[in-house]
PDB file of N, CA and C in Angstrom:
ATOM      1  N   GLN A   1    -122.229 -23.082  29.818  1.00  0.00           N
ATOM      2  CA  GLN A   1    -121.455 -23.006  28.593  1.00  0.00           C
ATOM      3  C   GLN A   1    -120.432 -21.876  28.731  1.00  0.00           C
ATOM      4  N   VAL A   2    -119.236 -22.100  28.143  1.00  0.00           N
ATOM      5  CA  VAL A   2    -118.183 -21.137  28.236  1.00  0.00           C
ATOM      6  C   VAL A   2    -117.787 -20.733  26.851  1.00  0.00           C
ATOM      7  N   GLN A   3    -117.513 -19.404  26.664  1.00  0.00           N
ATOM      8  CA  GLN A   3    -117.035 -18.895  25.356  1.00  0.00           C
ATOM      9  C   GLN A   3    -115.671 -18.258  25.590  1.00  0.00           C
ATOM     10  N   LEU A   4    -114.837 -18.498  24.568  1.00  0.00           N
ATOM     11  CA  LEU A   4    -113.487 -17.930  24.576  1.00  0.00           C
ATOM     12  C   LEU A   4    -113.354 -17.007  23.349  1.00  0.00           C
ATOM     13  N   VAL A   5    -112.776 -15.826  23.560  1.00  0.00           N
ATOM     14  CA  VAL A   5    -112.534 -14.892  22.512  1.00  0.00           C
ATOM     15  C   VAL A   5    -111.086 -14.567  22.503  1.00  0.00           C
ATOM     16  N   GLU A   6    -110.400 -14.840  21.361  1.00  0.00           N
ATOM     17  CA  GLU A   6    -109.016 -14.635  21.173  1.00  0.00           C
ATOM     18  C   GLU A   6    -108.780 -13.316  20.373  1.00  0.00           C
ATOM     19  N   SER A   7    -107.578 -12.737  20.648  1.00  0.00           N
ATOM     20  CA  SER A   7    -107.214 -11.580  19.775  1.00  0.00           C
ATOM     21  C   SER A   7    -105.695 -11.435  19.830  1.00  0.00           C
ATOM     22  N   GLY A   8    -105.168 -10.670  18.871  1.00  0.00           N
ATOM     23  CA  GLY A   8    -103.735 -10.352  18.941  1.00  0.00           C
ATOM     24  C   GLY A   8    -102.853 -10.948  17.911  1.00  0.00           C
ATOM     25  N   GLY A   9    -103.472 -11.808  17.050  1.00  0.00           N
ATOM     26  CA  GLY A   9    -102.641 -12.388  15.993  1.00  0.00           C
ATOM     27  C   GLY A   9    -102.334 -11.415  14.865  1.00  0.00           C
ATOM     28  N   GLY A  10    -101.506 -11.797  13.911  1.00  0.00           N
ATOM     29  CA  GLY A  10    -101.256 -10.911  12.813  1.00  0.00           C
ATOM     30  C   GLY A  10     -99.967 -11.347  12.094  1.00  0.00           C
ATOM     31  N   LEU A  11     -99.489 -10.378  11.233  1.00  0.00           N
ATOM     32  CA  LEU A  11     -98.292 -10.599  10.460  1.00  0.00           C
ATOM     33  C   LEU A  11     -97.156  -9.781  11.139  1.00  0.00           C
ATOM     34  N   VAL A  12     -96.004 -10.470  11.329  1.00  0.00           N
ATOM     35  CA  VAL A  12     -94.873  -9.828  12.010  1.00  0.00           C
ATOM     36  C   VAL A  12     -93.654 -10.362  11.315  1.00  0.00           C
ATOM     37  N   GLN A  13     -92.604  -9.539  11.251  1.00  0.00           N
ATOM     38  CA  GLN A  13     -91.311  -9.879  10.659  1.00  0.00           C
ATOM     39  C   GLN A  13     -90.583 -10.762  11.698  1.00  0.00           C
ATOM     40  N   PRO A  14     -89.663 -11.536  11.188  1.00  0.00           N
ATOM     41  CA  PRO A  14     -88.771 -12.346  12.100  1.00  0.00           C
ATOM     42  C   PRO A  14     -88.034 -11.421  13.057  1.00  0.00           C
ATOM     43  N   GLY A  15     -88.001 -11.870  14.311  1.00  0.00           N
ATOM     44  CA  GLY A  15     -87.438 -11.125  15.361  1.00  0.00           C
ATOM     45  C   GLY A  15     -88.433 -10.182  16.067  1.00  0.00           C
ATOM     46  N   GLY A  16     -89.615 -10.067  15.506  1.00  0.00           N
ATOM     47  CA  GLY A  16     -90.651  -9.173  16.135  1.00  0.00           C
ATOM     48  C   GLY A  16     -91.380  -9.862  17.252  1.00  0.00           C
ATOM     49  N   SER A  17     -92.400  -9.180  17.758  1.00  0.00           N
ATOM     50  CA  SER A  17     -93.179  -9.600  18.950  1.00  0.00           C
ATOM     51  C   SER A  17     -94.692  -9.428  18.641  1.00  0.00           C
ATOM     52  N   LEU A  18     -95.449 -10.295  19.315  1.00  0.00           N
ATOM     53  CA  LEU A  18     -96.894 -10.179  19.317  1.00  0.00           C
ATOM     54  C   LEU A  18     -97.341 -10.615  20.736  1.00  0.00           C
ATOM     55  N   ARG A  19     -98.530 -10.161  21.105  1.00  0.00           N
ATOM     56  CA  ARG A  19     -99.151 -10.592  22.277  1.00  0.00           C
ATOM     57  C   ARG A  19    -100.530 -11.072  22.021  1.00  0.00           C
ATOM     58  N   LEU A  20    -100.773 -12.274  22.373  1.00  0.00           N
ATOM     59  CA  LEU A  20    -102.131 -12.878  22.188  1.00  0.00           C
ATOM     60  C   LEU A  20    -102.915 -12.799  23.529  1.00  0.00           C
ATOM     61  N   SER A  21    -104.262 -12.634  23.334  1.00  0.00           N
ATOM     62  CA  SER A  21    -105.095 -12.595  24.556  1.00  0.00           C
ATOM     63  C   SER A  21    -106.290 -13.497  24.309  1.00  0.00           C
ATOM     64  N   CYS A  22    -106.765 -14.112  25.417  1.00  0.00           N
ATOM     65  CA  CYS A  22    -107.908 -15.019  25.363  1.00  0.00           C
ATOM     66  C   CYS A  22    -108.739 -14.748  26.588  1.00  0.00           C
ATOM     67  N   THR A  23    -110.028 -14.337  26.389  1.00  0.00           N
ATOM     68  CA  THR A  23    -110.885 -14.036  27.523  1.00  0.00           C
ATOM     69  C   THR A  23    -112.061 -14.955  27.555  1.00  0.00           C
ATOM     70  N   ALA A  24    -112.337 -15.532  28.747  1.00  0.00           N
ATOM     71  CA  ALA A  24    -113.444 -16.461  28.925  1.00  0.00           C
ATOM     72  C   ALA A  24    -114.659 -15.764  29.496  1.00  0.00           C
ATOM     73  N   SER A  25    -115.814 -16.167  29.033  1.00  0.00           N
ATOM     74  CA  SER A  25    -117.059 -15.667  29.590  1.00  0.00           C
ATOM     75  C   SER A  25    -118.079 -16.811  29.614  1.00  0.00           C
ATOM     76  N   GLY A  26    -119.089 -16.702  30.494  1.00  0.00           N
ATOM     77  CA  GLY A  26    -120.126 -17.750  30.543  1.00  0.00           C
ATOM     78  C   GLY A  26    -120.363 -18.184  32.010  1.00  0.00           C
ATOM     79  N   ASN A  27    -121.026 -19.296  32.074  1.00  0.00           N
ATOM     80  CA  ASN A  27    -121.500 -19.813  33.385  1.00  0.00           C
ATOM     81  C   ASN A  27    -120.449 -20.746  34.023  1.00  0.00           C
ATOM     82  N   PHE A  28    -119.460 -20.192  34.614  1.00  0.00           N
ATOM     83  CA  PHE A  28    -118.508 -21.032  35.303  1.00  0.00           C
ATOM     84  C   PHE A  28    -118.218 -20.398  36.619  1.00  0.00           C
ATOM     85  N   PHE A  29    -117.708 -21.203  37.577  1.00  0.00           N
ATOM     86  CA  PHE A  29    -117.419 -20.725  38.900  1.00  0.00           C
ATOM     87  C   PHE A  29    -115.965 -20.426  39.120  1.00  0.00           C
ATOM     88  N   SER A  30    -115.149 -21.183  38.436  1.00  0.00           N
ATOM     89  CA  SER A  30    -113.668 -20.933  38.593  1.00  0.00           C
ATOM     90  C   SER A  30    -112.952 -21.453  37.382  1.00  0.00           C
ATOM     91  N   ILE A  31    -111.780 -20.922  37.160  1.00  0.00           N
ATOM     92  CA  ILE A  31    -110.911 -21.313  36.034  1.00  0.00           C
ATOM     93  C   ILE A  31    -109.680 -22.013  36.586  1.00  0.00           C
ATOM     94  N   GLY A  32    -109.294 -23.088  35.971  1.00  0.00           N
ATOM     95  CA  GLY A  32    -108.167 -23.831  36.395  1.00  0.00           C
ATOM     96  C   GLY A  32    -107.042 -23.619  35.412  1.00  0.00           C
ATOM     97  N   THR A  33    -106.637 -24.642  34.727  1.00  0.00           N
ATOM     98  CA  THR A  33    -105.512 -24.583  33.800  1.00  0.00           C
ATOM     99  C   THR A  33    -105.899 -23.790  32.547  1.00  0.00           C
ATOM    100  N   MET A  34    -104.948 -22.918  32.147  1.00  0.00           N
ATOM    101  CA  MET A  34    -105.121 -22.126  30.919  1.00  0.00           C
ATOM    102  C   MET A  34    -103.858 -22.351  30.039  1.00  0.00           C
ATOM    103  N   GLY A  35    -104.086 -22.484  28.744  1.00  0.00           N
ATOM    104  CA  GLY A  35    -102.955 -22.761  27.881  1.00  0.00           C
ATOM    105  C   GLY A  35    -103.109 -22.289  26.500  1.00  0.00           C
ATOM    106  N   TRP A  36    -102.037 -22.401  25.733  1.00  0.00           N
ATOM    107  CA  TRP A  36    -101.999 -22.065  24.373  1.00  0.00           C
ATOM    108  C   TRP A  36    -101.430 -23.225  23.582  1.00  0.00           C
ATOM    109  N   HIS A  37    -102.090 -23.543  22.458  1.00  0.00           N
ATOM    110  CA  HIS A  37    -101.648 -24.566  21.543  1.00  0.00           C
ATOM    111  C   HIS A  37    -101.565 -23.943  20.143  1.00  0.00           C
ATOM    112  N   ARG A  38    -100.820 -24.559  19.203  1.00  0.00           N
ATOM    113  CA  ARG A  38    -100.722 -23.987  17.882  1.00  0.00           C
ATOM    114  C   ARG A  38    -100.804 -25.200  16.886  1.00  0.00           C
ATOM    115  N   GLN A  39    -101.220 -24.859  15.701  1.00  0.00           N
ATOM    116  CA  GLN A  39    -101.249 -25.869  14.565  1.00  0.00           C
ATOM    117  C   GLN A  39    -100.854 -25.183  13.337  1.00  0.00           C
ATOM    118  N   ALA A  40     -99.718 -25.667  12.724  1.00  0.00           N
ATOM    119  CA  ALA A  40     -99.238 -25.252  11.422  1.00  0.00           C
ATOM    120  C   ALA A  40     -99.813 -26.165  10.347  1.00  0.00           C
ATOM    121  N   PRO A  41     -99.906 -25.651   9.141  1.00  0.00           N
ATOM    122  CA  PRO A  41    -100.421 -26.513   8.046  1.00  0.00           C
ATOM    123  C   PRO A  41     -99.744 -27.817   7.897  1.00  0.00           C
ATOM    124  N   GLY A  42    -100.427 -28.913   7.883  1.00  0.00           N
ATOM    125  CA  GLY A  42     -99.848 -30.255   7.720  1.00  0.00           C
ATOM    126  C   GLY A  42     -99.317 -30.854   9.007  1.00  0.00           C
ATOM    127  N   ASN A  43     -99.425 -30.094  10.107  1.00  0.00           N
ATOM    128  CA  ASN A  43     -98.883 -30.552  11.414  1.00  0.00           C
ATOM    129  C   ASN A  43    -100.007 -30.818  12.383  1.00  0.00           C
ATOM    130  N   GLN A  44     -99.659 -31.591  13.413  1.00  0.00           N
ATOM    131  CA  GLN A  44    -100.727 -31.772  14.468  1.00  0.00           C
ATOM    132  C   GLN A  44    -100.691 -30.595  15.372  1.00  0.00           C
ATOM    133  N   ARG A  45    -101.764 -30.361  16.122  1.00  0.00           N
ATOM    134  CA  ARG A  45    -101.796 -29.371  17.134  1.00  0.00           C
ATOM    135  C   ARG A  45    -100.869 -29.657  18.250  1.00  0.00           C
ATOM    136  N   GLU A  46    -100.070 -28.692  18.646  1.00  0.00           N
ATOM    137  CA  GLU A  46     -99.066 -28.933  19.720  1.00  0.00           C
ATOM    138  C   GLU A  46     -99.261 -27.974  20.810  1.00  0.00           C
ATOM    139  N   LEU A  47     -98.873 -28.351  22.025  1.00  0.00           N
ATOM    140  CA  LEU A  47     -98.928 -27.521  23.166  1.00  0.00           C
ATOM    141  C   LEU A  47     -97.764 -26.526  23.140  1.00  0.00           C
ATOM    142  N   VAL A  48     -98.108 -25.212  23.297  1.00  0.00           N
ATOM    143  CA  VAL A  48     -97.065 -24.207  23.338  1.00  0.00           C
ATOM    144  C   VAL A  48     -96.677 -23.817  24.815  1.00  0.00           C
ATOM    145  N   ALA A  49     -97.709 -23.524  25.577  1.00  0.00           N
ATOM    146  CA  ALA A  49     -97.451 -23.076  26.965  1.00  0.00           C
ATOM    147  C   ALA A  49     -98.669 -23.328  27.811  1.00  0.00           C
ATOM    148  N   VAL A  50     -98.493 -23.558  29.061  1.00  0.00           N
ATOM    149  CA  VAL A  50     -99.656 -23.775  29.971  1.00  0.00           C
ATOM    150  C   VAL A  50     -99.318 -23.190  31.290  1.00  0.00           C
ATOM    151  N   ILE A  51    -100.397 -22.679  31.949  1.00  0.00           N
ATOM    152  CA  ILE A  51    -100.247 -22.061  33.256  1.00  0.00           C
ATOM    153  C   ILE A  51    -101.344 -22.622  34.178  1.00  0.00           C
ATOM    154  N   SER A  52    -100.926 -23.123  35.344  1.00  0.00           N
ATOM    155  CA  SER A  52    -101.842 -23.685  36.298  1.00  0.00           C
ATOM    156  C   SER A  52    -101.466 -23.199  37.682  1.00  0.00           C
ATOM    157  N   GLY A  53    -102.344 -22.468  38.303  1.00  0.00           N
ATOM    158  CA  GLY A  53    -101.905 -21.880  39.559  1.00  0.00           C
ATOM    159  C   GLY A  53    -100.751 -20.913  39.300  1.00  0.00           C
ATOM    160  N   GLY A  54     -99.658 -21.108  40.012  1.00  0.00           N
ATOM    161  CA  GLY A  54     -98.501 -20.313  39.795  1.00  0.00           C
ATOM    162  C   GLY A  54     -97.427 -20.939  38.960  1.00  0.00           C
ATOM    163  N   SER A  55     -97.721 -22.095  38.353  1.00  0.00           N
ATOM    164  CA  SER A  55     -96.748 -22.877  37.626  1.00  0.00           C
ATOM    165  C   SER A  55     -96.928 -22.716  36.087  1.00  0.00           C
ATOM    166  N   THR A  56     -95.824 -22.661  35.458  1.00  0.00           N
ATOM    167  CA  THR A  56     -95.887 -22.526  33.921  1.00  0.00           C
ATOM    168  C   THR A  56     -95.025 -23.628  33.340  1.00  0.00           C
ATOM    169  N   ASN A  57     -95.382 -24.002  32.107  1.00  0.00           N
ATOM    170  CA  ASN A  57     -94.585 -24.955  31.346  1.00  0.00           C
ATOM    171  C   ASN A  57     -94.618 -24.549  29.862  1.00  0.00           C
ATOM    172  N   TYR A  58     -93.488 -24.759  29.209  1.00  0.00           N
ATOM    173  CA  TYR A  58     -93.392 -24.375  27.789  1.00  0.00           C
ATOM    174  C   TYR A  58     -92.828 -25.440  26.944  1.00  0.00           C
ATOM    175  N   ALA A  59     -93.187 -25.468  25.653  1.00  0.00           N
ATOM    176  CA  ALA A  59     -92.584 -26.302  24.700  1.00  0.00           C
ATOM    177  C   ALA A  59     -91.109 -25.863  24.563  1.00  0.00           C
ATOM    178  N   ASP A  60     -90.248 -26.831  24.345  1.00  0.00           N
ATOM    179  CA  ASP A  60     -88.802 -26.500  24.227  1.00  0.00           C
ATOM    180  C   ASP A  60     -88.507 -25.516  23.132  1.00  0.00           C
ATOM    181  N   SER A  61     -89.367 -25.533  22.116  1.00  0.00           N
ATOM    182  CA  SER A  61     -89.121 -24.656  20.923  1.00  0.00           C
ATOM    183  C   SER A  61     -89.400 -23.180  21.235  1.00  0.00           C
ATOM    184  N   VAL A  62     -90.098 -22.884  22.345  1.00  0.00           N
ATOM    185  CA  VAL A  62     -90.461 -21.504  22.610  1.00  0.00           C
ATOM    186  C   VAL A  62     -89.847 -21.023  23.936  1.00  0.00           C
ATOM    187  N   LYS A  63     -89.206 -21.915  24.717  1.00  0.00           N
ATOM    188  CA  LYS A  63     -88.605 -21.537  25.932  1.00  0.00           C
ATOM    189  C   LYS A  63     -87.621 -20.346  25.820  1.00  0.00           C
ATOM    190  N   GLY A  64     -87.839 -19.330  26.677  1.00  0.00           N
ATOM    191  CA  GLY A  64     -86.918 -18.147  26.609  1.00  0.00           C
ATOM    192  C   GLY A  64     -87.384 -17.077  25.678  1.00  0.00           C
ATOM    193  N   ARG A  65     -88.372 -17.401  24.846  1.00  0.00           N
ATOM    194  CA  ARG A  65     -88.975 -16.437  23.900  1.00  0.00           C
ATOM    195  C   ARG A  65     -90.423 -16.095  24.212  1.00  0.00           C
ATOM    196  N   PHE A  66     -91.218 -17.026  24.658  1.00  0.00           N
ATOM    197  CA  PHE A  66     -92.641 -16.802  24.895  1.00  0.00           C
ATOM    198  C   PHE A  66     -92.877 -16.814  26.419  1.00  0.00           C
ATOM    199  N   THR A  67     -93.825 -16.031  26.838  1.00  0.00           N
ATOM    200  CA  THR A  67     -94.219 -15.949  28.224  1.00  0.00           C
ATOM    201  C   THR A  67     -95.755 -16.061  28.336  1.00  0.00           C
ATOM    202  N   ILE A  68     -96.199 -16.998  29.124  1.00  0.00           N
ATOM    203  CA  ILE A  68     -97.691 -17.077  29.395  1.00  0.00           C
ATOM    204  C   ILE A  68     -97.989 -16.458  30.743  1.00  0.00           C
ATOM    205  N   SER A  69     -99.118 -15.763  30.779  1.00  0.00           N
ATOM    206  CA  SER A  69     -99.503 -15.145  32.069  1.00  0.00           C
ATOM    207  C   SER A  69    -101.022 -15.089  32.071  1.00  0.00           C
ATOM    208  N   ARG A  70    -101.591 -14.817  33.272  1.00  0.00           N
ATOM    209  CA  ARG A  70    -103.040 -14.735  33.413  1.00  0.00           C
ATOM    210  C   ARG A  70    -103.404 -13.628  34.285  1.00  0.00           C
ATOM    211  N   ASP A  71    -104.664 -13.122  34.036  1.00  0.00           N
ATOM    212  CA  ASP A  71    -105.221 -12.152  34.901  1.00  0.00           C
ATOM    213  C   ASP A  71    -106.597 -12.769  35.373  1.00  0.00           C
ATOM    214  N   ASN A  72    -106.570 -13.232  36.563  1.00  0.00           N
ATOM    215  CA  ASN A  72    -107.787 -13.958  37.030  1.00  0.00           C
ATOM    216  C   ASN A  72    -109.003 -13.063  37.197  1.00  0.00           C
ATOM    217  N   ALA A  73    -108.753 -11.737  37.478  1.00  0.00           N
ATOM    218  CA  ALA A  73    -109.882 -10.824  37.621  1.00  0.00           C
ATOM    219  C   ALA A  73    -110.595 -10.592  36.296  1.00  0.00           C
ATOM    220  N   LYS A  74    -109.805 -10.753  35.257  1.00  0.00           N
ATOM    221  CA  LYS A  74    -110.374 -10.530  33.855  1.00  0.00           C
ATOM    222  C   LYS A  74    -110.696 -11.817  33.148  1.00  0.00           C
ATOM    223  N   ASN A  75    -110.414 -12.987  33.834  1.00  0.00           N
ATOM    224  CA  ASN A  75    -110.600 -14.343  33.139  1.00  0.00           C
ATOM    225  C   ASN A  75    -109.903 -14.391  31.838  1.00  0.00           C
ATOM    226  N   THR A  76    -108.686 -13.872  31.863  1.00  0.00           N
ATOM    227  CA  THR A  76    -107.883 -13.767  30.639  1.00  0.00           C
ATOM    228  C   THR A  76    -106.521 -14.370  30.757  1.00  0.00           C
ATOM    229  N   VAL A  77    -106.130 -15.025  29.654  1.00  0.00           N
ATOM    230  CA  VAL A  77    -104.761 -15.619  29.548  1.00  0.00           C
ATOM    231  C   VAL A  77    -104.048 -14.945  28.445  1.00  0.00           C
ATOM    232  N   TYR A  78    -102.777 -14.654  28.585  1.00  0.00           N
ATOM    233  CA  TYR A  78    -101.954 -13.921  27.600  1.00  0.00           C
ATOM    234  C   TYR A  78    -100.824 -14.810  27.125  1.00  0.00           C
ATOM    235  N   LEU A  79    -100.375 -14.557  25.942  1.00  0.00           N
ATOM    236  CA  LEU A  79     -99.131 -15.186  25.451  1.00  0.00           C
ATOM    237  C   LEU A  79     -98.274 -14.098  24.824  1.00  0.00           C
ATOM    238  N   GLN A  80     -97.201 -13.716  25.460  1.00  0.00           N
ATOM    239  CA  GLN A  80     -96.250 -12.702  24.944  1.00  0.00           C
ATOM    240  C   GLN A  80     -95.236 -13.478  24.069  1.00  0.00           C
ATOM    241  N   MET A  81     -95.171 -13.190  22.858  1.00  0.00           N
ATOM    242  CA  MET A  81     -94.204 -13.882  21.998  1.00  0.00           C
ATOM    243  C   MET A  81     -93.167 -12.950  21.484  1.00  0.00           C
ATOM    244  N   ASN A  82     -91.899 -13.137  21.817  1.00  0.00           N
ATOM    245  CA  ASN A  82     -90.815 -12.327  21.394  1.00  0.00           C
ATOM    246  C   ASN A  82     -89.830 -13.168  20.535  1.00  0.00           C
ATOM    247  N   SER A  83     -89.014 -12.453  19.864  1.00  0.00           N
ATOM    248  CA  SER A  83     -88.043 -13.086  18.949  1.00  0.00           C
ATOM    249  C   SER A  83     -88.710 -14.143  18.031  1.00  0.00           C
ATOM    250  N   LEU A  84     -89.758 -13.735  17.420  1.00  0.00           N
ATOM    251  CA  LEU A  84     -90.532 -14.676  16.557  1.00  0.00           C
ATOM    252  C   LEU A  84     -89.748 -15.165  15.418  1.00  0.00           C
ATOM    253  N   LYS A  85     -89.963 -16.407  15.036  1.00  0.00           N
ATOM    254  CA  LYS A  85     -89.263 -17.052  13.915  1.00  0.00           C
ATOM    255  C   LYS A  85     -90.293 -17.485  12.925  1.00  0.00           C
ATOM    256  N   PRO A  86     -89.941 -17.677  11.684  1.00  0.00           N
ATOM    257  CA  PRO A  86     -90.865 -18.192  10.654  1.00  0.00           C
ATOM    258  C   PRO A  86     -91.519 -19.506  11.097  1.00  0.00           C
ATOM    259  N   GLU A  87     -90.823 -20.315  11.836  1.00  0.00           N
ATOM    260  CA  GLU A  87     -91.360 -21.609  12.236  1.00  0.00           C
ATOM    261  C   GLU A  87     -92.439 -21.469  13.313  1.00  0.00           C
ATOM    262  N   ASP A  88     -92.646 -20.268  13.838  1.00  0.00           N
ATOM    263  CA  ASP A  88     -93.735 -20.018  14.729  1.00  0.00           C
ATOM    264  C   ASP A  88     -95.041 -19.748  14.064  1.00  0.00           C
ATOM    265  N   THR A  89     -94.978 -19.688  12.747  1.00  0.00           N
ATOM    266  CA  THR A  89     -96.184 -19.452  11.947  1.00  0.00           C
ATOM    267  C   THR A  89     -97.198 -20.543  12.195  1.00  0.00           C
ATOM    268  N   ALA A  90     -98.409 -20.248  12.628  1.00  0.00           N
ATOM    269  CA  ALA A  90     -99.375 -21.231  12.889  1.00  0.00           C
ATOM    270  C   ALA A  90    -100.695 -20.489  13.289  1.00  0.00           C
ATOM    271  N   VAL A  91    -101.761 -21.299  13.389  1.00  0.00           N
ATOM    272  CA  VAL A  91    -102.990 -20.814  14.072  1.00  0.00           C
ATOM    273  C   VAL A  91    -102.829 -21.119  15.558  1.00  0.00           C
ATOM    274  N   TYR A  92    -103.043 -20.217  16.403  1.00  0.00           N
ATOM    275  CA  TYR A  92    -102.862 -20.280  17.874  1.00  0.00           C
ATOM    276  C   TYR A  92    -104.239 -20.447  18.507  1.00  0.00           C
ATOM    277  N   TYR A  93    -104.401 -21.443  19.311  1.00  0.00           N
ATOM    278  CA  TYR A  93    -105.634 -21.654  20.020  1.00  0.00           C
ATOM    279  C   TYR A  93    -105.449 -21.579  21.533  1.00  0.00           C
ATOM    280  N   CYS A  94    -106.342 -20.926  22.244  1.00  0.00           N
ATOM    281  CA  CYS A  94    -106.288 -20.948  23.706  1.00  0.00           C
ATOM    282  C   CYS A  94    -107.204 -22.069  24.197  1.00  0.00           C
ATOM    283  N   ASN A  95    -106.850 -22.620  25.303  1.00  0.00           N
ATOM    284  CA  ASN A  95    -107.646 -23.660  25.959  1.00  0.00           C
ATOM    285  C   ASN A  95    -107.695 -23.375  27.414  1.00  0.00           C
ATOM    286  N   ILE A  96    -108.945 -23.439  27.918  1.00  0.00           N
ATOM    287  CA  ILE A  96    -109.174 -23.090  29.330  1.00  0.00           C
ATOM    288  C   ILE A  96    -110.071 -24.218  29.917  1.00  0.00           C
ATOM    289  N   VAL A  97    -109.679 -24.656  31.152  1.00  0.00           N
ATOM    290  CA  VAL A  97    -110.454 -25.618  31.899  1.00  0.00           C
ATOM    291  C   VAL A  97    -111.166 -24.832  33.002  1.00  0.00           C
ATOM    292  N   SER A  98    -112.463 -24.891  33.011  1.00  0.00           N
ATOM    293  CA  SER A  98    -113.207 -24.173  34.006  1.00  0.00           C
ATOM    294  C   SER A  98    -114.288 -25.117  34.671  1.00  0.00           C
ATOM    295  N   THR A  99    -114.761 -24.666  35.791  1.00  0.00           N
ATOM    296  CA  THR A  99    -115.766 -25.514  36.464  1.00  0.00           C
ATOM    297  C   THR A  99    -116.939 -24.659  36.898  1.00  0.00           C
ATOM    298  N   SER A 100    -118.099 -25.307  36.849  1.00  0.00           N
ATOM    299  CA  SER A 100    -119.281 -24.747  37.486  1.00  0.00           C
ATOM    300  C   SER A 100    -119.535 -25.609  38.732  1.00  0.00           C
ATOM    301  N   LEU A 101    -120.677 -25.437  39.361  1.00  0.00           N
ATOM    302  CA  LEU A 101    -121.017 -26.232  40.517  1.00  0.00           C
ATOM    303  C   LEU A 101    -121.188 -27.714  40.176  1.00  0.00           C
ATOM    304  N   THR A 102    -121.518 -28.030  38.880  1.00  0.00           N
ATOM    305  CA  THR A 102    -121.932 -29.376  38.528  1.00  0.00           C
ATOM    306  C   THR A 102    -121.069 -29.984  37.506  1.00  0.00           C
ATOM    307  N   ARG A 103    -120.231 -29.182  36.782  1.00  0.00           N
ATOM    308  CA  ARG A 103    -119.489 -29.828  35.680  1.00  0.00           C
ATOM    309  C   ARG A 103    -118.116 -29.111  35.380  1.00  0.00           C
ATOM    310  N   VAL A 104    -117.354 -29.790  34.587  1.00  0.00           N
ATOM    311  CA  VAL A 104    -116.069 -29.205  34.165  1.00  0.00           C
ATOM    312  C   VAL A 104    -116.178 -28.994  32.678  1.00  0.00           C
ATOM    313  N   TYR A 105    -115.704 -27.785  32.271  1.00  0.00           N
ATOM    314  CA  TYR A 105    -115.695 -27.391  30.913  1.00  0.00           C
ATOM    315  C   TYR A 105    -114.277 -27.347  30.398  1.00  0.00           C
ATOM    316  N   ASN A 106    -114.040 -27.947  29.234  1.00  0.00           N
ATOM    317  CA  ASN A 106    -112.702 -27.880  28.503  1.00  0.00           C
ATOM    318  C   ASN A 106    -113.023 -27.138  27.190  1.00  0.00           C
ATOM    319  N   SER A 107    -112.621 -25.830  27.203  1.00  0.00           N
ATOM    320  CA  SER A 107    -113.082 -24.962  26.155  1.00  0.00           C
ATOM    321  C   SER A 107    -111.870 -24.507  25.280  1.00  0.00           C
ATOM    322  N   TRP A 108    -112.250 -24.247  24.005  1.00  0.00           N
ATOM    323  CA  TRP A 108    -111.202 -23.877  23.013  1.00  0.00           C
ATOM    324  C   TRP A 108    -111.605 -22.558  22.352  1.00  0.00           C
ATOM    325  N   GLY A 109    -110.589 -21.693  22.125  1.00  0.00           N
ATOM    326  CA  GLY A 109    -110.886 -20.481  21.339  1.00  0.00           C
ATOM    327  C   GLY A 109    -111.037 -20.806  19.871  1.00  0.00           C
ATOM    328  N   GLN A 110    -111.394 -19.784  19.053  1.00  0.00           N
ATOM    329  CA  GLN A 110    -111.627 -19.974  17.667  1.00  0.00           C
ATOM    330  C   GLN A 110    -110.380 -20.016  16.862  1.00  0.00           C
ATOM    331  N   GLY A 111    -109.253 -19.653  17.473  1.00  0.00           N
ATOM    332  CA  GLY A 111    -107.998 -19.608  16.795  1.00  0.00           C
ATOM    333  C   GLY A 111    -107.668 -18.217  16.148  1.00  0.00           C
ATOM    334  N   THR A 112    -106.434 -17.905  16.270  1.00  0.00           N
ATOM    335  CA  THR A 112    -105.931 -16.625  15.669  1.00  0.00           C
ATOM    336  C   THR A 112    -104.624 -16.924  14.901  1.00  0.00           C
ATOM    337  N   GLN A 113    -104.549 -16.388  13.736  1.00  0.00           N
ATOM    338  CA  GLN A 113    -103.449 -16.682  12.827  1.00  0.00           C
ATOM    339  C   GLN A 113    -102.254 -15.805  13.194  1.00  0.00           C
ATOM    340  N   VAL A 114    -101.069 -16.420  13.357  1.00  0.00           N
ATOM    341  CA  VAL A 114     -99.824 -15.752  13.521  1.00  0.00           C
ATOM    342  C   VAL A 114     -98.909 -16.156  12.388  1.00  0.00           C
ATOM    343  N   THR A 115     -98.511 -15.097  11.618  1.00  0.00           N
ATOM    344  CA  THR A 115     -97.627 -15.324  10.462  1.00  0.00           C
ATOM    345  C   THR A 115     -96.350 -14.530  10.683  1.00  0.00           C
ATOM    346  N   VAL A 116     -95.211 -15.230  10.577  1.00  0.00           N
ATOM    347  CA  VAL A 116     -93.911 -14.635  10.790  1.00  0.00           C
ATOM    348  C   VAL A 116     -93.195 -14.703   9.425  1.00  0.00           C
ATOM    349  N   SER A 117     -93.027 -13.558   8.842  1.00  0.00           N
ATOM    350  CA  SER A 117     -92.454 -13.506   7.479  1.00  0.00           C
ATOM    351  C   SER A 117     -91.914 -12.164   7.156  1.00  0.00           C
ATOM    352  N   SER A 118     -90.808 -12.147   6.393  1.00  0.00           N
ATOM    353  CA  SER A 118     -90.236 -10.849   5.959  1.00  0.00           C
ATOM    354  C   SER A 118     -90.828 -10.540   4.554  1.00  0.00           C
TER     355      SER A 118
END
């Protein structure tokens, strides 16, 4: 079993910055793809950014403003969010794919609220 703990959400003014963190713990051997998704009220959950190996991909709406990174030694994925806009307001969820010797885990964090408002 794999547990994810997120942190870093909060209230920020437009143009501000936040950094989200997500740390995995549990019985896994390795971590593969790590990503961040978000869900605003009334909307479907959408992919924000993903990192796999040395490759990253971003939603068009956040390109140039958000940066995803990972620290493999800490089993942690980060999302640096700059130039935040009100439309970035949502609950942000991390997603990590990890493997043990016998199975693959697709794990989700509990979600952290990001609110961009003046």
